[in-house]
Amino acid sequence: MADDEIDDDDDLEEDEDGEGGEGGQPGSGRKRLIIVIAGVLFLILGGLAAAYFTGLLQPVMEMLGGSDPVPAEGDPNAPTVSEDAVFYDLQEMLVNINTGGRKPVYLKIRVSLELGSTNDIVQVEAVMPRIIDNFQIYLRELRIEDLKGSAGMYRLREELLKRVSVAAAPATVNDVLFKEMLVQ
């Protein structure tokens, strides 16, 4: 019987420490609190990391750091604006675009080319039939979905710029600017 009394005393001591009983375990409350705090910290740090890598945090960092957002010389992302840029208007183009057999859909487009200098005008005019042909071939293969949204307009601009730069090879074409674009 003496052994039974000793075992009962051990059970009481374990209950008081919070390790042995099934009732209100005070240690589990601390564990839950630590897990909740760690989860909240993980979410905050993850959100800050995502904001940093997507560039959403950059304006805040520049404001706090006091640095100017002016790009350094030689930065490939720096916008280049030439004071002697020349704009050359192309003739209006009307093409039927690819609809996959449905009723015909037409694209009416007017663009202007930004050339590097006035000397480039002569070179562009000399190869104008090739430029128009390249534009016509590309535009006829477009679908309506290709023109939707700003991403579609950006892709169209990049493709036209690529094609006109190849066609007018010695001339410098800096950009293709849309003056009018209608899909009907």
C-alpha atoms as a PDB file:
ATOM      1  CA  MET A   1       0.000   0.000   0.000  1.00  0.00           C
ATOM      2  CA  ALA A   2       2.842   2.293   0.605  1.00  0.00           C
ATOM      3  CA  ASP A   3       3.785   1.941  -3.029  1.00  0.00           C
ATOM      4  CA  ASP A   4       0.284   3.020  -4.098  1.00  0.00           C
ATOM      5  CA  GLU A   5       0.527   6.166  -2.039  1.00  0.00           C
ATOM      6  CA  ILE A   6       3.852   7.063  -3.632  1.00  0.00           C
ATOM      7  CA  ASP A   7       2.395   6.641  -7.117  1.00  0.00           C
ATOM      8  CA  ASP A   8      -0.552   8.913  -6.271  1.00  0.00           C
ATOM      9  CA  ASP A   9       1.836  11.587  -5.073  1.00  0.00           C
ATOM     10  CA  ASP A  10       3.775  11.396  -8.351  1.00  0.00           C
ATOM     11  CA  ASP A  11       0.542  11.867 -10.344  1.00  0.00           C
ATOM     12  CA  LEU A  12      -0.307  14.974  -8.348  1.00  0.00           C
ATOM     13  CA  GLU A  13       3.108  16.453  -8.987  1.00  0.00           C
ATOM     14  CA  GLU A  14       2.789  15.790 -12.735  1.00  0.00           C
ATOM     15  CA  ASP A  15      -0.645  17.470 -12.818  1.00  0.00           C
ATOM     16  CA  GLU A  16       0.690  20.570 -11.122  1.00  0.00           C
ATOM     17  CA  ASP A  17       3.541  20.864 -13.631  1.00  0.00           C
ATOM     18  CA  GLY A  18       1.093  20.619 -16.522  1.00  0.00           C
ATOM     19  CA  GLU A  19       2.734  17.598 -18.070  1.00  0.00           C
ATOM     20  CA  GLY A  20       0.635  14.703 -16.903  1.00  0.00           C
ATOM     21  CA  GLY A  21      -3.041  15.711 -16.616  1.00  0.00           C
ATOM     22  CA  GLU A  22      -5.584  15.970 -19.396  1.00  0.00           C
ATOM     23  CA  GLY A  23      -7.454  18.927 -17.921  1.00  0.00           C
ATOM     24  CA  GLY A  24      -6.340  22.551 -18.392  1.00  0.00           C
ATOM     25  CA  GLN A  25      -2.806  22.248 -19.677  1.00  0.00           C
ATOM     26  CA  PRO A  26      -1.110  25.582 -19.085  1.00  0.00           C
ATOM     27  CA  GLY A  27       1.823  24.663 -21.382  1.00  0.00           C
ATOM     28  CA  SER A  28      -0.443  24.233 -24.419  1.00  0.00           C
ATOM     29  CA  GLY A  29      -1.684  27.843 -24.162  1.00  0.00           C
ATOM     30  CA  ARG A  30       1.887  29.106 -24.433  1.00  0.00           C
ATOM     31  CA  LYS A  31       2.530  26.826 -27.396  1.00  0.00           C
ATOM     32  CA  ARG A  32      -0.548  28.132 -29.180  1.00  0.00           C
ATOM     33  CA  LEU A  33       0.472  31.718 -28.535  1.00  0.00           C
ATOM     34  CA  ILE A  34       3.963  31.080 -29.915  1.00  0.00           C
ATOM     35  CA  ILE A  35       2.522  29.373 -33.015  1.00  0.00           C
ATOM     36  CA  VAL A  36       0.096  32.255 -33.655  1.00  0.00           C
ATOM     37  CA  ILE A  37       2.832  34.878 -33.217  1.00  0.00           C
ATOM     38  CA  ALA A  38       5.186  32.936 -35.510  1.00  0.00           C
ATOM     39  CA  GLY A  39       2.431  32.642 -38.138  1.00  0.00           C
ATOM     40  CA  VAL A  40       1.661  36.365 -38.012  1.00  0.00           C
ATOM     41  CA  LEU A  41       5.370  37.232 -38.291  1.00  0.00           C
ATOM     42  CA  PHE A  42       5.734  34.814 -41.208  1.00  0.00           C
ATOM     43  CA  LEU A  43       2.808  36.476 -43.033  1.00  0.00           C
ATOM     44  CA  ILE A  44       4.150  39.981 -42.408  1.00  0.00           C
ATOM     45  CA  LEU A  45       7.659  39.108 -43.566  1.00  0.00           C
ATOM     46  CA  GLY A  46       6.285  37.248 -46.589  1.00  0.00           C
ATOM     47  CA  GLY A  47       4.143  40.244 -47.546  1.00  0.00           C
ATOM     48  CA  LEU A  48       7.078  42.619 -47.209  1.00  0.00           C
ATOM     49  CA  ALA A  49       9.284  40.340 -49.302  1.00  0.00           C
ATOM     50  CA  ALA A  50       6.600  40.106 -51.997  1.00  0.00           C
ATOM     51  CA  ALA A  51       6.169  43.899 -52.012  1.00  0.00           C
ATOM     52  CA  TYR A  52       9.938  44.356 -52.292  1.00  0.00           C
ATOM     53  CA  PHE A  53      10.383  41.932 -55.174  1.00  0.00           C
ATOM     54  CA  THR A  54       7.389  43.248 -57.131  1.00  0.00           C
ATOM     55  CA  GLY A  55       8.634  46.816 -56.784  1.00  0.00           C
ATOM     56  CA  LEU A  56       5.724  48.061 -54.703  1.00  0.00           C
ATOM     57  CA  LEU A  57       8.047  48.911 -51.848  1.00  0.00           C
ATOM     58  CA  GLN A  58      10.531  50.884 -54.000  1.00  0.00           C
ATOM     59  CA  PRO A  59       8.832  54.318 -53.729  1.00  0.00           C
ATOM     60  CA  VAL A  60       8.642  53.970 -49.944  1.00  0.00           C
ATOM     61  CA  MET A  61      12.305  52.985 -49.749  1.00  0.00           C
ATOM     62  CA  GLU A  62      13.319  55.922 -51.972  1.00  0.00           C
ATOM     63  CA  MET A  63      11.271  58.302 -49.837  1.00  0.00           C
ATOM     64  CA  LEU A  64      12.799  57.039 -46.600  1.00  0.00           C
ATOM     65  CA  GLY A  65      16.318  56.777 -48.044  1.00  0.00           C
ATOM     66  CA  GLY A  66      16.155  60.173 -49.700  1.00  0.00           C
ATOM     67  CA  SER A  67      17.575  58.909 -52.990  1.00  0.00           C
ATOM     68  CA  ASP A  68      16.452  60.402 -56.268  1.00  0.00           C
ATOM     69  CA  PRO A  69      14.672  58.113 -58.704  1.00  0.00           C
ATOM     70  CA  VAL A  70      16.792  59.609 -61.519  1.00  0.00           C
ATOM     71  CA  PRO A  71      18.501  56.769 -63.392  1.00  0.00           C
ATOM     72  CA  ALA A  72      22.258  56.784 -63.700  1.00  0.00           C
ATOM     73  CA  GLU A  73      24.022  57.215 -67.023  1.00  0.00           C
ATOM     74  CA  GLY A  74      24.401  53.954 -68.872  1.00  0.00           C
ATOM     75  CA  ASP A  75      21.290  52.494 -67.253  1.00  0.00           C
ATOM     76  CA  PRO A  76      19.551  50.396 -69.940  1.00  0.00           C
ATOM     77  CA  ASN A  77      16.148  51.115 -68.376  1.00  0.00           C
ATOM     78  CA  ALA A  78      16.625  54.869 -68.591  1.00  0.00           C
ATOM     79  CA  PRO A  79      14.238  56.559 -71.002  1.00  0.00           C
ATOM     80  CA  THR A  80      15.996  58.065 -73.979  1.00  0.00           C
ATOM     81  CA  VAL A  81      14.593  61.279 -75.362  1.00  0.00           C
ATOM     82  CA  SER A  82      16.403  62.783 -78.286  1.00  0.00           C
ATOM     83  CA  GLU A  83      15.976  66.485 -78.842  1.00  0.00           C
ATOM     84  CA  ASP A  84      16.441  66.100 -82.591  1.00  0.00           C
ATOM     85  CA  ALA A  85      13.871  63.319 -83.001  1.00  0.00           C
ATOM     86  CA  VAL A  86      11.828  63.473 -86.163  1.00  0.00           C
ATOM     87  CA  PHE A  87       8.327  62.076 -86.600  1.00  0.00           C
ATOM     88  CA  TYR A  88       7.308  60.588 -89.927  1.00  0.00           C
ATOM     89  CA  ASP A  89       3.631  59.770 -90.569  1.00  0.00           C
ATOM     90  CA  LEU A  90       2.826  56.617 -92.499  1.00  0.00           C
ATOM     91  CA  GLN A  91      -0.227  56.364 -94.688  1.00  0.00           C
ATOM     92  CA  GLU A  92      -3.419  54.996 -93.211  1.00  0.00           C
ATOM     93  CA  MET A  93      -3.710  51.215 -93.455  1.00  0.00           C
ATOM     94  CA  LEU A  94      -6.935  49.223 -93.625  1.00  0.00           C
ATOM     95  CA  VAL A  95      -6.646  45.445 -93.298  1.00  0.00           C
ATOM     96  CA  ASN A  96      -9.025  42.616 -92.558  1.00  0.00           C
ATOM     97  CA  ILE A  97      -7.774  40.661 -89.580  1.00  0.00           C
ATOM     98  CA  ASN A  98      -7.936  36.925 -88.938  1.00  0.00           C
ATOM     99  CA  THR A  99     -11.323  35.940 -87.514  1.00  0.00           C
ATOM    100  CA  GLY A 100     -11.234  32.213 -88.174  1.00  0.00           C
ATOM    101  CA  GLY A 101     -14.037  32.115 -90.742  1.00  0.00           C
ATOM    102  CA  ARG A 102     -16.527  34.382 -89.014  1.00  0.00           C
ATOM    103  CA  LYS A 103     -17.725  37.654 -90.500  1.00  0.00           C
ATOM    104  CA  PRO A 104     -14.873  39.913 -91.637  1.00  0.00           C
ATOM    105  CA  VAL A 105     -13.387  42.323 -89.116  1.00  0.00           C
ATOM    106  CA  TYR A 106     -11.350  45.300 -90.273  1.00  0.00           C
ATOM    107  CA  LEU A 107      -8.501  47.131 -88.590  1.00  0.00           C
ATOM    108  CA  LYS A 108      -7.851  50.735 -89.516  1.00  0.00           C
ATOM    109  CA  ILE A 109      -4.531  52.012 -88.223  1.00  0.00           C
ATOM    110  CA  ARG A 110      -2.465  55.172 -88.571  1.00  0.00           C
ATOM    111  CA  VAL A 111       1.039  55.213 -87.141  1.00  0.00           C
ATOM    112  CA  SER A 112       3.899  57.619 -86.914  1.00  0.00           C
ATOM    113  CA  LEU A 113       7.550  56.609 -86.794  1.00  0.00           C
ATOM    114  CA  GLU A 114       9.995  58.340 -84.484  1.00  0.00           C
ATOM    115  CA  LEU A 115      13.259  58.585 -86.392  1.00  0.00           C
ATOM    116  CA  GLY A 116      16.682  59.420 -85.023  1.00  0.00           C
ATOM    117  CA  SER A 117      17.414  62.325 -87.384  1.00  0.00           C
ATOM    118  CA  THR A 118      16.161  64.079 -90.507  1.00  0.00           C
ATOM    119  CA  ASN A 119      18.680  62.118 -92.594  1.00  0.00           C
ATOM    120  CA  ASP A 120      16.719  58.945 -91.832  1.00  0.00           C
ATOM    121  CA  ILE A 121      13.615  60.249 -93.664  1.00  0.00           C
ATOM    122  CA  VAL A 122      15.222  59.678 -97.069  1.00  0.00           C
ATOM    123  CA  GLN A 123      16.183  56.125 -96.160  1.00  0.00           C
ATOM    124  CA  VAL A 124      12.702  55.318 -94.797  1.00  0.00           C
ATOM    125  CA  GLU A 125      10.985  56.728 -97.894  1.00  0.00           C
ATOM    126  CA  ALA A 126      13.254  54.631-100.104  1.00  0.00           C
ATOM    127  CA  VAL A 127      12.061  51.386 -98.461  1.00  0.00           C
ATOM    128  CA  MET A 128       8.466  52.448 -97.769  1.00  0.00           C
ATOM    129  CA  PRO A 129       6.887  49.676 -99.914  1.00  0.00           C
ATOM    130  CA  ARG A 130       8.798  47.068 -97.894  1.00  0.00           C
ATOM    131  CA  ILE A 131       7.683  48.642 -94.580  1.00  0.00           C
ATOM    132  CA  ILE A 132       4.033  48.732 -95.658  1.00  0.00           C
ATOM    133  CA  ASP A 133       4.264  45.125 -96.898  1.00  0.00           C
ATOM    134  CA  ASN A 134       5.748  43.931 -93.583  1.00  0.00           C
ATOM    135  CA  PHE A 135       3.030  45.764 -91.640  1.00  0.00           C
ATOM    136  CA  GLN A 136       0.232  44.404 -93.871  1.00  0.00           C
ATOM    137  CA  ILE A 137       1.409  40.800 -93.574  1.00  0.00           C
ATOM    138  CA  TYR A 138       1.703  41.016 -89.791  1.00  0.00           C
ATOM    139  CA  LEU A 139      -1.580  42.867 -89.249  1.00  0.00           C
ATOM    140  CA  ARG A 140      -3.588  40.415 -91.398  1.00  0.00           C
ATOM    141  CA  GLU A 141      -2.572  37.530 -89.121  1.00  0.00           C
ATOM    142  CA  LEU A 142      -3.695  39.277 -85.933  1.00  0.00           C
ATOM    143  CA  ARG A 143      -6.784  38.125 -84.099  1.00  0.00           C
ATOM    144  CA  ILE A 144      -9.172  40.335 -82.164  1.00  0.00           C
ATOM    145  CA  GLU A 145      -7.872  38.830 -78.902  1.00  0.00           C
ATOM    146  CA  ASP A 146      -4.337  39.970 -79.801  1.00  0.00           C
ATOM    147  CA  LEU A 147      -5.423  43.608 -79.757  1.00  0.00           C
ATOM    148  CA  LYS A 148      -7.264  43.634 -76.435  1.00  0.00           C
ATOM    149  CA  GLY A 149      -5.912  45.561 -73.487  1.00  0.00           C
ATOM    150  CA  SER A 150      -2.746  47.515 -72.964  1.00  0.00           C
ATOM    151  CA  ALA A 151      -0.613  44.363 -73.149  1.00  0.00           C
ATOM    152  CA  GLY A 152      -1.951  43.693 -76.643  1.00  0.00           C
ATOM    153  CA  MET A 153      -1.194  47.244 -77.726  1.00  0.00           C
ATOM    154  CA  TYR A 154       2.316  46.988 -76.295  1.00  0.00           C
ATOM    155  CA  ARG A 155       2.989  43.715 -78.144  1.00  0.00           C
ATOM    156  CA  LEU A 156       1.655  45.235 -81.367  1.00  0.00           C
ATOM    157  CA  ARG A 157       3.932  48.257 -80.964  1.00  0.00           C
ATOM    158  CA  GLU A 158       6.977  46.066 -80.284  1.00  0.00           C
ATOM    159  CA  GLU A 159       6.276  43.834 -83.311  1.00  0.00           C
ATOM    160  CA  LEU A 160       5.782  46.788 -85.645  1.00  0.00           C
ATOM    161  CA  LEU A 161       8.945  48.441 -84.322  1.00  0.00           C
ATOM    162  CA  LYS A 162      10.914  45.245 -84.869  1.00  0.00           C
ATOM    163  CA  ARG A 163       9.636  44.934 -88.440  1.00  0.00           C
ATOM    164  CA  VAL A 164      10.221  48.557 -89.418  1.00  0.00           C
ATOM    165  CA  SER A 165      13.709  48.533 -87.894  1.00  0.00           C
ATOM    166  CA  VAL A 166      14.666  45.526 -90.012  1.00  0.00           C
ATOM    167  CA  ALA A 167      13.126  46.973 -93.176  1.00  0.00           C
ATOM    168  CA  ALA A 168      14.763  50.401 -92.779  1.00  0.00           C
ATOM    169  CA  ALA A 169      18.075  48.883 -91.634  1.00  0.00           C
ATOM    170  CA  PRO A 170      20.537  51.785 -91.859  1.00  0.00           C
ATOM    171  CA  ALA A 171      17.952  54.283 -90.578  1.00  0.00           C
ATOM    172  CA  THR A 172      17.330  54.555 -86.843  1.00  0.00           C
ATOM    173  CA  VAL A 173      13.686  54.046 -85.853  1.00  0.00           C
ATOM    174  CA  ASN A 174      13.251  54.753 -82.139  1.00  0.00           C
ATOM    175  CA  ASP A 175       9.535  54.085 -81.743  1.00  0.00           C
ATOM    176  CA  VAL A 176       6.231  53.385 -83.440  1.00  0.00           C
ATOM    177  CA  LEU A 177       3.485  55.708 -82.231  1.00  0.00           C
ATOM    178  CA  PHE A 178      -0.219  55.008 -82.731  1.00  0.00           C
ATOM    179  CA  LYS A 179      -2.223  57.936 -84.023  1.00  0.00           C
ATOM    180  CA  GLU A 180      -5.461  56.068 -84.690  1.00  0.00           C
ATOM    181  CA  MET A 181      -6.610  52.494 -84.345  1.00  0.00           C
ATOM    182  CA  LEU A 182     -10.107  51.243 -85.060  1.00  0.00           C
ATOM    183  CA  VAL A 183     -11.390  47.680 -85.043  1.00  0.00           C
ATOM    184  CA  GLN A 184     -14.708  47.320 -86.834  1.00  0.00           C
END
